[in-house]
Amino acid sequence: MIQCLRKNLLYSEKRVRDILFRAARQEMSWHLQNQSTVMLARLAREIESLGRQWGADAAVEVTNWHMPTKAVVNTMLRAGVLLAADHRPIPPGLSANAAAIAALAPDFETRSEVFLVEFLIRKLGDVTTRDHKAMAHALLRQFDPNVPMDDMEDHISVLISRLEGSVVLTEDGLYSPVASA
């Protein structure tokens, strides 16, 4: 699962992703207070810079903040949580980096993680109810023994529940994407 996310520039470790989400929220809050939009390419640099600073303050060791920042921004873009002035999602594509971001969806962190779960289900095609622990390791591993695995598996269950209508559970326990119309 991790390899699938890495190959598609979507993998980031949970602690790092949370730091970058917090940085995105702060940077967009600043732009909203100043009634300004920000080009996605610039927002990504701002998120990376603030994330690097906060990561160092929290003793989160990351060799290169550029890659997880790219992955988190790509996840947010593909999850449709980066919004234009008309509150429509910025579509992924060649012009995305030049797009003016006006806001983040209110629940952007959860929607981004739900996107990652759905991406794995769609891309791998063989994710079952027995894979909650593997998904928790891939998406939520924090390298912190104080975070119980049961809590991470519960979080995966909550994320999967948000896929109602786009993914179904077959009789044999396979998560199966609903065909797009």
Protein backbone atom coordinates (compact mmCIF):
# COMPACT_ATOMS: atom_id res chain seq x y z
CA MET A 1 0.00 0.00 0.00
CA ILE A 2 2.81 2.39 0.85
CA GLN A 3 4.54 1.58 -2.44
CA CYS A 4 1.30 2.28 -4.33
CA LEU A 5 0.97 5.67 -2.61
CA ARG A 6 4.65 6.50 -3.20
CA LYS A 7 4.44 5.56 -6.87
CA ASN A 8 1.53 7.98 -7.26
CA LEU A 9 3.16 10.81 -5.22
CA LEU A 10 0.61 10.48 -2.41
CA TYR A 11 2.57 8.97 0.47
CA SER A 12 3.40 10.94 3.58
CA GLU A 13 3.90 9.71 7.10
CA LYS A 14 1.00 10.70 9.40
CA ARG A 15 2.97 12.98 11.75
CA VAL A 16 4.45 14.86 8.81
CA ARG A 17 1.09 15.03 7.02
CA ASP A 18 -0.56 16.47 10.14
CA ILE A 19 2.16 19.12 10.46
CA LEU A 20 1.73 20.05 6.79
CA PHE A 21 -2.08 20.15 7.15
CA ARG A 22 -1.69 22.51 10.11
CA ALA A 23 0.71 24.65 8.06
CA ALA A 24 -1.79 24.73 5.18
CA ARG A 25 -4.54 25.83 7.55
CA GLN A 26 -2.37 28.61 8.99
CA GLU A 27 -1.14 29.87 5.62
CA MET A 28 -4.66 29.94 4.16
CA SER A 29 -5.95 31.66 7.30
CA TRP A 30 -3.39 34.41 6.72
CA HIS A 31 -4.44 34.79 3.07
CA LEU A 32 -8.13 34.85 4.03
CA GLN A 33 -7.50 37.54 6.66
CA ASN A 34 -5.74 39.60 4.01
CA GLN A 35 -8.49 38.87 1.50
CA SER A 36 -6.02 37.43 -0.96
CA THR A 37 -5.76 34.29 -2.98
CA VAL A 38 -2.49 32.43 -3.35
CA MET A 39 -1.10 30.53 -6.29
CA LEU A 40 -0.89 26.81 -5.48
CA ALA A 41 2.84 26.70 -6.27
CA ARG A 42 3.47 29.49 -3.73
CA LEU A 43 1.15 27.91 -1.15
CA ALA A 44 3.11 24.66 -1.44
CA ARG A 45 6.38 26.51 -0.75
CA GLU A 46 4.82 28.31 2.22
CA ILE A 47 3.48 25.02 3.61
CA GLU A 48 6.87 23.37 3.17
CA SER A 49 8.72 26.20 4.90
CA LEU A 50 6.36 26.33 7.87
CA GLY A 51 6.21 22.53 8.05
CA ARG A 52 10.00 22.31 8.15
CA GLN A 53 10.10 24.85 10.99
CA TRP A 54 7.32 23.17 13.00
CA GLY A 55 8.82 19.73 12.34
CA ALA A 56 12.16 20.84 13.75
CA ASP A 57 10.40 22.34 16.79
CA ALA A 58 8.60 19.02 17.35
CA ALA A 59 11.78 16.97 16.75
CA VAL A 60 10.21 15.26 13.73
CA GLU A 61 13.14 14.16 11.63
CA VAL A 62 12.58 14.47 7.90
CA THR A 63 15.55 14.50 5.56
CA ASN A 64 13.76 16.35 2.79
CA TRP A 65 10.47 18.17 3.42
CA HIS A 66 9.98 18.76 -0.30
CA MET A 67 8.72 15.24 -1.10
CA PRO A 68 6.13 14.92 1.68
CA THR A 69 4.95 18.45 0.92
CA LYS A 70 4.47 17.53 -2.74
CA ALA A 71 2.59 14.39 -1.66
CA VAL A 72 0.31 16.26 0.76
CA VAL A 73 -0.45 19.04 -1.74
CA ASN A 74 -1.10 16.42 -4.43
CA THR A 75 -3.43 14.58 -2.05
CA MET A 76 -5.30 17.78 -1.24
CA LEU A 77 -5.58 18.67 -4.92
CA ARG A 78 -6.86 15.24 -5.91
CA ALA A 79 -9.23 15.17 -2.91
CA GLY A 80 -10.82 18.39 -4.19
CA VAL A 81 -10.21 20.37 -1.00
CA LEU A 82 -8.29 23.29 -2.54
CA LEU A 83 -10.96 25.79 -3.52
CA ALA A 84 -11.10 28.63 -6.02
CA ALA A 85 -12.81 31.96 -5.32
CA ASP A 86 -16.12 30.47 -6.55
CA HIS A 87 -15.69 27.69 -3.94
CA ARG A 88 -15.26 25.04 -6.59
CA PRO A 89 -12.37 22.58 -6.27
CA ILE A 90 -9.24 23.32 -8.26
CA PRO A 91 -9.02 20.48 -10.79
CA PRO A 92 -5.78 18.50 -11.04
CA GLY A 93 -3.89 19.10 -14.27
CA LEU A 94 -1.29 21.22 -15.99
CA SER A 95 -2.71 24.51 -14.77
CA ALA A 96 -3.24 23.47 -11.14
CA ASN A 97 0.06 24.89 -9.84
CA ALA A 98 -0.83 28.29 -11.30
CA ALA A 99 -4.37 28.25 -9.91
CA ALA A 100 -5.43 30.84 -7.34
CA ILE A 101 -6.42 29.13 -4.11
CA ALA A 102 -9.03 31.10 -2.15
CA ALA A 103 -9.86 28.61 0.61
CA LEU A 104 -9.58 25.10 1.95
CA ALA A 105 -12.64 22.90 2.37
CA PRO A 106 -13.64 23.07 6.06
CA ASP A 107 -12.95 19.36 6.63
CA PHE A 108 -9.95 19.18 4.30
CA GLU A 109 -7.85 16.92 6.54
CA THR A 110 -10.51 14.22 6.78
CA ARG A 111 -11.49 14.51 3.13
CA SER A 112 -7.83 14.17 2.14
CA GLU A 113 -7.42 11.00 4.19
CA VAL A 114 -10.72 9.61 2.86
CA PHE A 115 -9.35 10.24 -0.64
CA LEU A 116 -6.24 8.18 0.22
CA VAL A 117 -8.37 5.26 1.41
CA GLU A 118 -10.55 5.39 -1.69
CA PHE A 119 -7.48 5.70 -3.91
CA LEU A 120 -6.02 2.51 -2.44
CA ILE A 121 -9.31 0.66 -2.80
CA ARG A 122 -9.65 1.71 -6.44
CA LYS A 123 -6.00 1.30 -7.42
CA LEU A 124 -5.30 -2.01 -5.70
CA GLY A 125 -8.68 -3.59 -6.41
CA ASP A 126 -8.31 -6.25 -3.72
CA VAL A 127 -8.66 -4.38 -0.41
CA THR A 128 -10.82 -6.29 2.09
CA THR A 129 -12.06 -5.89 5.64
CA ARG A 130 -8.99 -7.89 6.68
CA ASP A 131 -6.76 -5.07 5.43
CA HIS A 132 -7.68 -2.44 8.03
CA LYS A 133 -4.45 -3.02 9.96
CA ALA A 134 -2.34 -2.82 6.78
CA MET A 135 -4.16 0.36 5.78
CA ALA A 136 -3.60 1.80 9.26
CA HIS A 137 0.12 1.10 8.92
CA ALA A 138 0.24 2.67 5.46
CA LEU A 139 -1.82 5.78 6.21
CA LEU A 140 -1.57 6.39 9.94
CA ARG A 141 1.71 4.95 11.17
CA GLN A 142 3.25 7.38 13.54
CA PHE A 143 6.24 5.46 14.91
CA ASP A 144 4.87 6.26 18.35
CA PRO A 145 4.27 3.26 20.62
CA ASN A 146 1.88 5.40 22.69
CA VAL A 147 -0.63 5.47 19.81
CA PRO A 148 -2.57 2.21 20.09
CA MET A 149 -3.05 0.21 16.89
CA ASP A 150 -6.71 -0.22 17.85
CA ASP A 151 -7.18 3.56 17.63
CA MET A 152 -5.57 3.64 14.19
CA GLU A 153 -7.78 0.76 12.97
CA ASP A 154 -10.85 2.57 14.33
CA HIS A 155 -9.79 5.69 12.42
CA ILE A 156 -9.58 3.62 9.22
CA SER A 157 -13.13 2.37 9.88
CA VAL A 158 -14.33 5.96 10.25
CA LEU A 159 -12.60 6.98 7.00
CA ILE A 160 -14.10 4.00 5.16
CA SER A 161 -17.57 4.89 6.47
CA ARG A 162 -17.23 8.24 4.67
CA LEU A 163 -17.05 6.33 1.37
CA GLU A 164 -20.73 5.40 1.55
CA GLY A 165 -22.11 5.74 -1.97
CA SER A 166 -18.77 5.46 -3.77
CA VAL A 167 -17.59 2.10 -2.38
CA VAL A 168 -19.61 -0.97 -1.43
CA LEU A 169 -18.72 -3.97 0.69
CA THR A 170 -19.25 -7.27 -1.11
CA GLU A 171 -20.45 -10.45 0.62
CA ASP A 172 -16.89 -11.79 0.74
CA GLY A 173 -15.53 -8.67 2.46
CA LEU A 174 -14.05 -6.92 -0.59
CA TYR A 175 -14.32 -3.14 -0.87
CA SER A 176 -15.54 -2.51 -4.37
CA PRO A 177 -15.78 0.91 -6.03
CA VAL A 178 -19.17 1.90 -7.39
CA ALA A 179 -18.91 2.44 -11.14
CA SER A 180 -18.95 6.10 -12.12
CA ALA A 181 -21.85 7.14 -14.32
